[in-house]
């Protein structure tokens, strides 16, 4: 099943950007700020899309000292 069928358009756009950036494993996770720069959406929309991806099991958030990191699970 394609991601476009399961999530909103913004979440799919964030997902594609994360794949292009290589945020596929925990060792190579990226921040919401970096994803925002690539996707060119407001940060609040990116954070909502990341939350949606987490809820549906497509991404995971890892808390770090300065900024949380995000990476894809599938």
PDB file of N, CA and C in Angstrom:
ATOM      1  N   UNK A   1       0.850  -1.185   0.000  1.00  0.00           N
ATOM      2  CA  UNK A   1       0.000   0.000   0.000  1.00  0.00           C
ATOM      3  C   UNK A   1       0.895   1.247   0.000  1.00  0.00           C
ATOM      4  N   UNK A   2       0.569   2.192  -0.839  1.00  0.00           N
ATOM      5  CA  UNK A   2       1.360   3.412  -0.952  1.00  0.00           C
ATOM      6  C   UNK A   2       1.078   4.347   0.218  1.00  0.00           C
ATOM      7  N   UNK A   3       2.085   5.137   0.543  1.00  0.00           N
ATOM      8  CA  UNK A   3       1.946   6.069   1.676  1.00  0.00           C
ATOM      9  C   UNK A   3       0.869   7.112   1.402  1.00  0.00           C
ATOM     10  N   UNK A   4       0.690   7.492   0.141  1.00  0.00           N
ATOM     11  CA  UNK A   4      -0.317   8.504  -0.200  1.00  0.00           C
ATOM     12  C   UNK A   4      -1.729   8.058   0.177  1.00  0.00           C
ATOM     13  N   UNK A   5      -1.952   6.744   0.245  1.00  0.00           N
ATOM     14  CA  UNK A   5      -3.270   6.213   0.604  1.00  0.00           C
ATOM     15  C   UNK A   5      -3.529   6.270   2.103  1.00  0.00           C
ATOM     16  N   UNK A   6      -2.457   6.350   2.904  1.00  0.00           N
ATOM     17  CA  UNK A   6      -2.596   6.270   4.359  1.00  0.00           C
ATOM     18  C   UNK A   6      -2.487   7.601   5.089  1.00  0.00           C
ATOM     19  N   UNK A   7      -1.796   8.574   4.495  1.00  0.00           N
ATOM     20  CA  UNK A   7      -1.530   9.829   5.204  1.00  0.00           C
ATOM     21  C   UNK A   7      -1.917  11.032   4.349  1.00  0.00           C
ATOM     22  N   UNK A   8      -1.890  12.215   4.971  1.00  0.00           N
ATOM     23  CA  UNK A   8      -2.230  13.458   4.264  1.00  0.00           C
ATOM     24  C   UNK A   8      -1.150  13.812   3.240  1.00  0.00           C
ATOM     25  N   UNK A   9      -1.453  14.767   2.399  1.00  0.00           N
ATOM     26  CA  UNK A   9      -0.515  15.199   1.359  1.00  0.00           C
ATOM     27  C   UNK A   9       0.762  15.775   1.971  1.00  0.00           C
ATOM     28  N   UNK A  10       0.628  16.572   3.029  1.00  0.00           N
ATOM     29  CA  UNK A  10       1.818  17.137   3.678  1.00  0.00           C
ATOM     30  C   UNK A  10       2.686  16.052   4.288  1.00  0.00           C
ATOM     31  N   UNK A  11       2.067  15.062   4.918  1.00  0.00           N
ATOM     32  CA  UNK A  11       2.827  13.966   5.515  1.00  0.00           C
ATOM     33  C   UNK A  11       3.552  13.166   4.433  1.00  0.00           C
ATOM     34  N   UNK A  12       2.910  12.955   3.298  1.00  0.00           N
ATOM     35  CA  UNK A  12       3.551  12.243   2.198  1.00  0.00           C
ATOM     36  C   UNK A  12       4.731  13.041   1.661  1.00  0.00           C
ATOM     37  N   UNK A  13       4.589  14.350   1.585  1.00  0.00           N
ATOM     38  CA  UNK A  13       5.671  15.214   1.116  1.00  0.00           C
ATOM     39  C   UNK A  13       6.858  15.156   2.076  1.00  0.00           C
ATOM     40  N   UNK A  14       6.582  15.193   3.382  1.00  0.00           N
ATOM     41  CA  UNK A  14       7.638  15.086   4.393  1.00  0.00           C
ATOM     42  C   UNK A  14       8.306  13.718   4.304  1.00  0.00           C
ATOM     43  N   UNK A  15       7.513  12.669   4.110  1.00  0.00           N
ATOM     44  CA  UNK A  15       8.051  11.316   3.983  1.00  0.00           C
ATOM     45  C   UNK A  15       9.020  11.222   2.797  1.00  0.00           C
ATOM     46  N   UNK A  16       8.604  11.742   1.653  1.00  0.00           N
ATOM     47  CA  UNK A  16       9.465  11.696   0.460  1.00  0.00           C
ATOM     48  C   UNK A  16      10.759  12.478   0.682  1.00  0.00           C
ATOM     49  N   UNK A  17      10.661  13.626   1.337  1.00  0.00           N
ATOM     50  CA  UNK A  17      11.860  14.429   1.627  1.00  0.00           C
ATOM     51  C   UNK A  17      12.803  13.677   2.557  1.00  0.00           C
ATOM     52  N   UNK A  18      12.252  13.010   3.562  1.00  0.00           N
ATOM     53  CA  UNK A  18      13.084  12.248   4.489  1.00  0.00           C
ATOM     54  C   UNK A  18      13.786  11.090   3.774  1.00  0.00           C
ATOM     55  N   UNK A  19      13.095  10.449   2.834  1.00  0.00           N
ATOM     56  CA  UNK A  19      13.725   9.374   2.052  1.00  0.00           C
ATOM     57  C   UNK A  19      14.876   9.935   1.206  1.00  0.00           C
ATOM     58  N   UNK A  20      14.640  11.080   0.560  1.00  0.00           N
ATOM     59  CA  UNK A  20      15.681  11.701  -0.263  1.00  0.00           C
ATOM     60  C   UNK A  20      16.892  12.097   0.568  1.00  0.00           C
ATOM     61  N   UNK A  21      16.649  12.573   1.799  1.00  0.00           N
ATOM     62  CA  UNK A  21      17.738  12.984   2.681  1.00  0.00           C
ATOM     63  C   UNK A  21      18.449  11.799   3.336  1.00  0.00           C
ATOM     64  N   UNK A  22      17.882  10.615   3.202  1.00  0.00           N
ATOM     65  CA  UNK A  22      18.514   9.425   3.751  1.00  0.00           C
ATOM     66  C   UNK A  22      18.264   9.196   5.229  1.00  0.00           C
ATOM     67  N   UNK A  23      17.162   9.704   5.751  1.00  0.00           N
ATOM     68  CA  UNK A  23      16.831   9.523   7.166  1.00  0.00           C
ATOM     69  C   UNK A  23      16.107   8.185   7.353  1.00  0.00           C
ATOM     70  N   UNK A  24      16.827   7.100   7.070  1.00  0.00           N
ATOM     71  CA  UNK A  24      16.222   5.774   7.047  1.00  0.00           C
ATOM     72  C   UNK A  24      16.568   4.924   8.254  1.00  0.00           C
ATOM     73  N   UNK A  25      17.604   5.310   8.986  1.00  0.00           N
ATOM     74  CA  UNK A  25      18.009   4.570  10.185  1.00  0.00           C
ATOM     75  C   UNK A  25      18.302   5.560  11.306  1.00  0.00           C
ATOM     76  N   UNK A  26      18.308   5.065  12.526  1.00  0.00           N
ATOM     77  CA  UNK A  26      18.502   5.934  13.678  1.00  0.00           C
ATOM     78  C   UNK A  26      19.833   6.685  13.624  1.00  0.00           C
ATOM     79  N   UNK A  27      20.862   6.064  13.082  1.00  0.00           N
ATOM     80  CA  UNK A  27      22.178   6.708  13.007  1.00  0.00           C
ATOM     81  C   UNK A  27      22.200   7.898  12.047  1.00  0.00           C
ATOM     82  N   UNK A  28      21.249   7.950  11.125  1.00  0.00           N
ATOM     83  CA  UNK A  28      21.212   9.033  10.135  1.00  0.00           C
ATOM     84  C   UNK A  28      19.903   9.811  10.221  1.00  0.00           C
ATOM     85  N   UNK A  29      19.468  10.124  11.421  1.00  0.00           N
ATOM     86  CA  UNK A  29      18.211  10.860  11.559  1.00  0.00           C
ATOM     87  C   UNK A  29      18.443  12.362  11.418  1.00  0.00           C
ATOM     88  N   UNK A  30      17.362  13.064  11.099  1.00  0.00           N
ATOM     89  CA  UNK A  30      17.457  14.505  10.905  1.00  0.00           C
ATOM     90  C   UNK A  30      16.483  15.257  11.789  1.00  0.00           C
ATOM     91  N   UNK A  31      16.707  16.548  11.895  1.00  0.00           N
ATOM     92  CA  UNK A  31      15.856  17.397  12.734  1.00  0.00           C
ATOM     93  C   UNK A  31      14.663  17.929  11.941  1.00  0.00           C
ATOM     94  N   UNK A  32      13.661  18.374  12.664  1.00  0.00           N
ATOM     95  CA  UNK A  32      12.495  18.986  12.028  1.00  0.00           C
ATOM     96  C   UNK A  32      12.903  20.254  11.275  1.00  0.00           C
ATOM     97  N   UNK A  33      13.885  20.962  11.803  1.00  0.00           N
ATOM     98  CA  UNK A  33      14.361  22.187  11.154  1.00  0.00           C
ATOM     99  C   UNK A  33      14.919  21.888   9.761  1.00  0.00           C
ATOM    100  N   UNK A  34      15.726  20.854   9.655  1.00  0.00           N
ATOM    101  CA  UNK A  34      16.322  20.478   8.369  1.00  0.00           C
ATOM    102  C   UNK A  34      15.243  20.012   7.386  1.00  0.00           C
ATOM    103  N   UNK A  35      14.300  19.245   7.872  1.00  0.00           N
ATOM    104  CA  UNK A  35      13.204  18.769   7.018  1.00  0.00           C
ATOM    105  C   UNK A  35      12.374  19.951   6.528  1.00  0.00           C
ATOM    106  N   UNK A  36      12.141  20.930   7.403  1.00  0.00           N
ATOM    107  CA  UNK A  36      11.389  22.134   7.049  1.00  0.00           C
ATOM    108  C   UNK A  36      12.065  22.885   5.908  1.00  0.00           C
ATOM    109  N   UNK A  37      13.394  22.991   5.963  1.00  0.00           N
ATOM    110  CA  UNK A  37      14.132  23.693   4.912  1.00  0.00           C
ATOM    111  C   UNK A  37      13.977  23.013   3.558  1.00  0.00           C
ATOM    112  N   UNK A  38      13.965  21.699   3.552  1.00  0.00           N
ATOM    113  CA  UNK A  38      13.879  20.953   2.294  1.00  0.00           C
ATOM    114  C   UNK A  38      12.454  20.958   1.737  1.00  0.00           C
ATOM    115  N   UNK A  39      11.479  20.745   2.614  1.00  0.00           N
ATOM    116  CA  UNK A  39      10.085  20.627   2.177  1.00  0.00           C
ATOM    117  C   UNK A  39       9.484  21.976   1.797  1.00  0.00           C
ATOM    118  N   UNK A  40       9.994  23.047   2.399  1.00  0.00           N
ATOM    119  CA  UNK A  40       9.505  24.409   2.139  1.00  0.00           C
ATOM    120  C   UNK A  40       8.035  24.576   2.550  1.00  0.00           C
ATOM    121  N   UNK A  41       7.705  23.998   3.701  1.00  0.00           N
ATOM    122  CA  UNK A  41       6.410  24.206   4.345  1.00  0.00           C
ATOM    123  C   UNK A  41       6.678  24.884   5.680  1.00  0.00           C
ATOM    124  N   UNK A  42       5.683  25.545   6.259  1.00  0.00           N
ATOM    125  CA  UNK A  42       5.879  26.115   7.595  1.00  0.00           C
ATOM    126  C   UNK A  42       6.231  25.016   8.607  1.00  0.00           C
ATOM    127  N   UNK A  43       7.056  25.375   9.584  1.00  0.00           N
ATOM    128  CA  UNK A  43       7.536  24.391  10.551  1.00  0.00           C
ATOM    129  C   UNK A  43       6.386  23.706  11.286  1.00  0.00           C
ATOM    130  N   UNK A  44       5.346  24.444  11.607  1.00  0.00           N
ATOM    131  CA  UNK A  44       4.200  23.855  12.301  1.00  0.00           C
ATOM    132  C   UNK A  44       3.554  22.753  11.465  1.00  0.00           C
ATOM    133  N   UNK A  45       3.444  22.963  10.160  1.00  0.00           N
ATOM    134  CA  UNK A  45       2.864  21.952   9.275  1.00  0.00           C
ATOM    135  C   UNK A  45       3.768  20.719   9.206  1.00  0.00           C
ATOM    136  N   UNK A  46       5.076  20.929   9.184  1.00  0.00           N
ATOM    137  CA  UNK A  46       6.025  19.818   9.159  1.00  0.00           C
ATOM    138  C   UNK A  46       5.931  19.024  10.459  1.00  0.00           C
ATOM    139  N   UNK A  47       5.845  19.724  11.583  1.00  0.00           N
ATOM    140  CA  UNK A  47       5.719  19.034  12.874  1.00  0.00           C
ATOM    141  C   UNK A  47       4.421  18.226  12.940  1.00  0.00           C
ATOM    142  N   UNK A  48       3.338  18.781  12.419  1.00  0.00           N
ATOM    143  CA  UNK A  48       2.073  18.032  12.376  1.00  0.00           C
ATOM    144  C   UNK A  48       2.188  16.802  11.477  1.00  0.00           C
ATOM    145  N   UNK A  49       2.860  16.957  10.341  1.00  0.00           N
ATOM    146  CA  UNK A  49       3.056  15.834   9.426  1.00  0.00           C
ATOM    147  C   UNK A  49       3.930  14.753  10.077  1.00  0.00           C
ATOM    148  N   UNK A  50       4.975  15.162  10.785  1.00  0.00           N
ATOM    149  CA  UNK A  50       5.831  14.201  11.487  1.00  0.00           C
ATOM    150  C   UNK A  50       5.045  13.465  12.566  1.00  0.00           C
ATOM    151  N   UNK A  51       4.193  14.189  13.262  1.00  0.00           N
ATOM    152  CA  UNK A  51       3.340  13.563  14.282  1.00  0.00           C
ATOM    153  C   UNK A  51       2.422  12.520  13.645  1.00  0.00           C
ATOM    154  N   UNK A  52       1.858  12.867  12.502  1.00  0.00           N
ATOM    155  CA  UNK A  52       0.982  11.929  11.792  1.00  0.00           C
ATOM    156  C   UNK A  52       1.756  10.687  11.355  1.00  0.00           C
ATOM    157  N   UNK A  53       2.964  10.876  10.822  1.00  0.00           N
ATOM    158  CA  UNK A  53       3.792   9.747  10.404  1.00  0.00           C
ATOM    159  C   UNK A  53       4.131   8.843  11.588  1.00  0.00           C
ATOM    160  N   UNK A  54       4.389   9.441  12.734  1.00  0.00           N
ATOM    161  CA  UNK A  54       4.669   8.653  13.937  1.00  0.00           C
ATOM    162  C   UNK A  54       3.442   7.853  14.366  1.00  0.00           C
ATOM    163  N   UNK A  55       2.294   8.491  14.363  1.00  0.00           N
ATOM    164  CA  UNK A  55       1.058   7.840  14.787  1.00  0.00           C
ATOM    165  C   UNK A  55       0.724   6.647  13.899  1.00  0.00           C
ATOM    166  N   UNK A  56       0.979   6.782  12.595  1.00  0.00           N
ATOM    167  CA  UNK A  56       0.645   5.715  11.650  1.00  0.00           C
ATOM    168  C   UNK A  56       1.767   4.680  11.519  1.00  0.00           C
ATOM    169  N   UNK A  57       2.877   4.891  12.222  1.00  0.00           N
ATOM    170  CA  UNK A  57       3.953   3.903  12.214  1.00  0.00           C
ATOM    171  C   UNK A  57       4.945   4.021  11.077  1.00  0.00           C
ATOM    172  N   UNK A  58       5.013   5.161  10.440  1.00  0.00           N
ATOM    173  CA  UNK A  58       5.947   5.357   9.320  1.00  0.00           C
ATOM    174  C   UNK A  58       7.258   5.977   9.773  1.00  0.00           C
ATOM    175  N   UNK A  59       7.272   6.664  10.906  1.00  0.00           N
ATOM    176  CA  UNK A  59       8.475   7.358  11.378  1.00  0.00           C
ATOM    177  C   UNK A  59       8.581   7.236  12.893  1.00  0.00           C
ATOM    178  N   UNK A  60       9.780   7.514  13.391  1.00  0.00           N
ATOM    179  CA  UNK A  60      10.004   7.494  14.834  1.00  0.00           C
ATOM    180  C   UNK A  60      10.765   8.749  15.236  1.00  0.00           C
ATOM    181  N   UNK A  61      10.464   9.228  16.443  1.00  0.00           N
ATOM    182  CA  UNK A  61      11.117  10.410  17.018  1.00  0.00           C
ATOM    183  C   UNK A  61      12.043   9.943  18.127  1.00  0.00           C
ATOM    184  N   UNK A  62      13.264  10.457  18.122  1.00  0.00           N
ATOM    185  CA  UNK A  62      14.240  10.121  19.152  1.00  0.00           C
ATOM    186  C   UNK A  62      14.660  11.414  19.832  1.00  0.00           C
ATOM    187  N   UNK A  63      14.456  11.502  21.152  1.00  0.00           N
ATOM    188  CA  UNK A  63      14.798  12.708  21.904  1.00  0.00           C
ATOM    189  C   UNK A  63      16.306  12.742  22.116  1.00  0.00           C
ATOM    190  N   UNK A  64      16.889  13.905  21.822  1.00  0.00           N
ATOM    191  CA  UNK A  64      18.322  14.111  22.027  1.00  0.00           C
ATOM    192  C   UNK A  64      18.512  15.344  22.887  1.00  0.00           C
ATOM    193  N   UNK A  65      19.767  15.714  23.143  1.00  0.00           N
ATOM    194  CA  UNK A  65      20.033  16.849  24.032  1.00  0.00           C
ATOM    195  C   UNK A  65      19.488  18.168  23.494  1.00  0.00           C
ATOM    196  N   UNK A  66      19.824  18.521  22.268  1.00  0.00           N
ATOM    197  CA  UNK A  66      19.404  19.819  21.732  1.00  0.00           C
ATOM    198  C   UNK A  66      18.095  19.745  20.963  1.00  0.00           C
ATOM    199  N   UNK A  67      18.028  18.908  19.959  1.00  0.00           N
ATOM    200  CA  UNK A  67      16.824  18.817  19.130  1.00  0.00           C
ATOM    201  C   UNK A  67      16.486  17.357  18.882  1.00  0.00           C
ATOM    202  N   UNK A  68      15.216  17.068  18.827  1.00  0.00           N
ATOM    203  CA  UNK A  68      14.777  15.699  18.562  1.00  0.00           C
ATOM    204  C   UNK A  68      15.138  15.312  17.134  1.00  0.00           C
ATOM    205  N   UNK A  69      15.422  14.051  16.933  1.00  0.00           N
ATOM    206  CA  UNK A  69      15.734  13.535  15.606  1.00  0.00           C
ATOM    207  C   UNK A  69      14.611  12.644  15.112  1.00  0.00           C
ATOM    208  N   UNK A  70      14.441  12.597  13.812  1.00  0.00           N
ATOM    209  CA  UNK A  70      13.387  11.798  13.192  1.00  0.00           C
ATOM    210  C   UNK A  70      14.009  10.898  12.140  1.00  0.00           C
ATOM    211  N   UNK A  71      13.479   9.679  12.043  1.00  0.00           N
ATOM    212  CA  UNK A  71      13.900   8.767  10.980  1.00  0.00           C
ATOM    213  C   UNK A  71      12.728   7.883  10.597  1.00  0.00           C
ATOM    214  N   UNK A  72      12.802   7.287   9.413  1.00  0.00           N
ATOM    215  CA  UNK A  72      11.711   6.478   8.887  1.00  0.00           C
ATOM    216  C   UNK A  72      11.846   5.026   9.330  1.00  0.00           C
ATOM    217  N   UNK A  73      10.724   4.397   9.526  1.00  0.00           N
ATOM    218  CA  UNK A  73      10.713   2.986   9.885  1.00  0.00           C
ATOM    219  C   UNK A  73      10.434   2.093   8.679  1.00  0.00           C
ATOM    220  N   UNK A  74       9.711   2.609   7.695  1.00  0.00           N
ATOM    221  CA  UNK A  74       9.429   1.829   6.489  1.00  0.00           C
ATOM    222  C   UNK A  74       9.339   2.725   5.291  1.00  0.00           C
TER     223      UNK A  74
END
